[in-house]
Protein backbone atom coordinates (compact mmCIF):
# COMPACT_ATOMS: atom_id res chain seq x y z
CA UNK A 1 -14.72 3.91 -22.79
CA UNK A 2 -15.01 5.40 -19.61
CA UNK A 3 -12.10 7.12 -18.07
CA UNK A 4 -9.96 5.49 -15.68
CA UNK A 5 -9.75 6.62 -12.18
CA UNK A 6 -7.93 5.83 -8.87
CA UNK A 7 -10.53 5.17 -6.33
CA UNK A 8 -10.16 5.60 -2.60
CA UNK A 9 -11.82 3.28 0.21
CA UNK A 10 -14.75 5.02 2.05
CA UNK A 11 -13.31 4.04 5.41
CA UNK A 12 -9.90 5.81 4.42
CA UNK A 13 -11.43 9.02 2.91
CA UNK A 14 -11.24 11.16 6.23
CA UNK A 15 -7.81 10.07 6.52
CA UNK A 16 -6.96 11.26 2.76
CA UNK A 17 -8.61 14.34 3.57
CA UNK A 18 -6.60 15.24 6.79
CA UNK A 19 -3.39 14.32 5.11
CA UNK A 20 -4.09 17.19 2.64
CA UNK A 21 -1.97 20.29 2.98
CA UNK A 22 -3.38 22.66 5.58
CA UNK A 23 -2.20 24.96 8.38
CA UNK A 24 -3.52 22.69 10.98
CA UNK A 25 -1.70 19.68 10.40
CA UNK A 26 1.37 20.85 8.46
CA UNK A 27 1.08 18.18 5.93
CA UNK A 28 3.72 17.37 3.24
CA UNK A 29 0.99 16.48 0.63
CA UNK A 30 -0.32 19.06 -1.85
CA UNK A 31 -2.73 16.98 -3.59
CA UNK A 32 -4.94 13.80 -3.23
CA UNK A 33 -2.74 12.36 -6.05
CA UNK A 34 0.46 12.70 -4.07
CA UNK A 35 -1.05 11.28 -0.86
CA UNK A 36 -2.17 8.10 -2.88
CA UNK A 37 0.91 7.57 -4.51
CA UNK A 38 2.82 7.79 -1.29
CA UNK A 39 0.36 5.44 0.33
CA UNK A 40 0.75 2.86 -2.45
CA UNK A 41 4.61 3.09 -2.23
CA UNK A 42 4.47 2.54 1.45
CA UNK A 43 1.91 -0.34 1.08
CA UNK A 44 4.19 -1.98 -1.60
CA UNK A 45 7.25 -1.70 0.41
CA UNK A 46 5.36 -3.19 3.47
CA UNK A 47 3.51 -5.66 1.45
CA UNK A 48 0.15 -4.35 2.62
CA UNK A 49 -2.28 -4.91 -0.15
CA UNK A 50 -5.90 -4.46 1.05
CA UNK A 51 -8.89 -4.41 -1.30
CA UNK A 52 -10.89 -1.50 -1.21
CA UNK A 53 -14.50 -2.57 0.05
CA UNK A 54 -16.61 0.19 -0.30
CA UNK A 55 -15.61 3.19 -2.53
CA UNK A 56 -15.52 6.76 -1.56
CA UNK A 57 -18.37 9.04 -3.64
CA UNK A 58 -17.37 12.30 -2.09
CA UNK A 59 -14.40 14.10 -1.20
CA UNK A 60 -12.04 12.41 -2.21
CA UNK A 61 -13.95 10.93 -4.98
CA UNK A 62 -12.06 8.78 -7.67
CA UNK A 63 -9.00 10.70 -9.16
CA UNK A 64 -8.31 10.86 -12.88
CA UNK A 65 -5.49 8.70 -14.18
CA UNK A 66 -4.72 11.76 -15.92
CA UNK A 67 -3.58 13.75 -12.67
CA UNK A 68 -1.12 10.83 -11.94
CA UNK A 69 0.17 11.12 -15.40
CA UNK A 70 0.39 14.53 -15.45
CA UNK A 71 2.25 14.53 -12.10
CA UNK A 72 4.82 12.00 -13.49
CA UNK A 73 3.63 8.99 -11.26
CA UNK A 74 2.90 6.50 -14.13
CA UNK A 75 6.12 4.99 -14.12
CA UNK A 76 5.96 4.37 -10.37
CA UNK A 77 2.53 2.74 -10.70
CA UNK A 78 3.73 0.47 -13.42
CA UNK A 79 6.92 -0.56 -11.38
CA UNK A 80 4.60 -1.60 -8.67
CA UNK A 81 2.59 -3.59 -10.90
CA UNK A 82 5.38 -5.32 -12.33
CA UNK A 83 6.76 -6.31 -8.88
CA UNK A 84 3.08 -7.66 -7.74
CA UNK A 85 2.66 -9.57 -10.74
CA UNK A 86 6.11 -10.30 -11.72
CA UNK A 87 5.01 -10.03 -15.43
CA UNK A 88 6.58 -7.24 -17.49
CA UNK A 89 3.50 -7.57 -19.85
CA UNK A 90 1.23 -6.02 -17.15
CA UNK A 91 2.72 -2.53 -18.55
CA UNK A 92 1.41 -3.27 -22.21
CA UNK A 93 -0.40 -0.08 -23.35
CA UNK A 94 -2.34 -2.23 -25.99
CA UNK A 95 -4.47 -4.10 -23.38
CA UNK A 96 -7.21 -2.49 -21.42
CA UNK A 97 -7.48 -5.49 -19.05
CA UNK A 98 -3.71 -5.02 -17.93
CA UNK A 99 -4.51 -1.37 -17.33
CA UNK A 100 -7.46 -2.49 -15.12
CA UNK A 101 -5.27 -4.74 -13.42
CA UNK A 102 -2.58 -2.05 -12.79
CA UNK A 103 -5.16 0.29 -11.23
CA UNK A 104 -6.56 -2.50 -8.92
CA UNK A 105 -2.98 -3.15 -7.67
CA UNK A 106 -2.31 0.30 -7.27
CA UNK A 107 -5.39 0.95 -5.33
CA UNK A 108 -4.94 -1.98 -3.09
CA UNK A 109 -1.37 -0.94 -2.24
CA UNK A 110 -2.46 2.60 -1.72
CA UNK A 111 -5.27 1.17 0.65
CA UNK A 112 -2.67 -0.87 2.53
CA UNK A 113 -0.30 2.24 3.09
CA UNK A 114 -3.30 4.23 4.04
CA UNK A 115 -3.98 1.51 6.55
CA UNK A 116 -0.41 1.91 8.18
CA UNK A 117 -0.61 5.61 7.71
CA UNK A 118 -3.85 5.59 9.84
CA UNK A 119 -2.21 3.63 12.66
CA UNK A 120 1.15 5.56 12.56
CA UNK A 121 -0.35 9.09 12.59
CA UNK A 122 -3.15 8.24 15.01
CA UNK A 123 -2.80 11.09 17.77
CA UNK A 124 -0.08 12.90 15.99
CA UNK A 125 -0.18 16.79 15.95
CA UNK A 126 2.49 17.22 13.06
CA UNK A 127 2.01 15.12 10.21
CA UNK A 128 5.14 15.93 8.64
CA UNK A 129 7.25 15.31 11.72
CA UNK A 130 5.70 11.86 12.18
CA UNK A 131 5.89 10.81 8.53
CA UNK A 132 9.73 11.80 8.70
CA UNK A 133 10.07 9.64 11.90
CA UNK A 134 8.53 6.65 10.01
CA UNK A 135 10.93 7.39 7.10
CA UNK A 136 13.88 7.57 9.59
CA UNK A 137 12.94 4.50 11.35
CA UNK A 138 12.75 2.51 8.12
CA UNK A 139 16.13 3.60 7.11
CA UNK A 140 17.71 2.73 10.82
CA UNK A 141 16.12 -0.63 10.55
CA UNK A 142 18.77 -1.29 7.79
CA UNK A 143 15.84 -2.03 5.31
CA UNK A 144 18.20 -0.59 2.56
CA UNK A 145 20.53 -3.36 1.25
CA UNK A 146 24.22 -2.93 2.19
CA UNK A 147 26.76 -2.76 -0.81
CA UNK A 148 29.13 -5.83 -0.84
CA UNK A 149 32.12 -4.96 -2.91
CA UNK A 150 32.88 -8.70 -3.24
CA UNK A 151 29.35 -10.02 -4.22
CA UNK A 152 28.96 -11.02 -7.74
CA UNK A 153 26.99 -9.01 -10.31
CA UNK A 154 23.37 -10.28 -10.60
CA UNK A 155 22.66 -12.11 -13.75
CA UNK A 156 19.17 -10.64 -13.86
CA UNK A 157 17.94 -7.28 -13.40
CA UNK A 158 15.01 -7.29 -10.43
CA UNK A 159 12.93 -4.49 -10.09
CA UNK A 160 11.34 -5.72 -7.02
CA UNK A 161 14.59 -4.71 -5.05
CA UNK A 162 13.40 -1.09 -5.69
CA UNK A 163 9.98 -1.87 -3.90
CA UNK A 164 10.86 -4.32 -0.92
């Protein structure tokens, strides 16, 4: 059985490389896994899920799932898959087909998030500042649900509220 890896679309490879921490662009990301996770969460939040198309074979090449697991990102990847499928069984460790489905969902949301980042960061000198402005704008638009003290407690626990 081959090791599972998270792939990056070839058309997003340069963006991912430019987002890697360096002195030129002052990026907040230290690893490719950090970038891909952020992009996947952004893609899921904005409901941007884009199939990969051609895969980057060079830098950044496919990233081992072990890196995501070691960095503690596996639960986030599973939550994204649950929200996308609305099926808790998608996180079953006993089924390889579910693992492949989780990986595909994660890759597609990451690709969608990278597409959004590409548009938002075009022409930016300081990536960190631009990303912070993006996040601040999301908060300013009121995308976080307001707490209503008079609202009844929900009957079911819905994980999608954490992603959408």
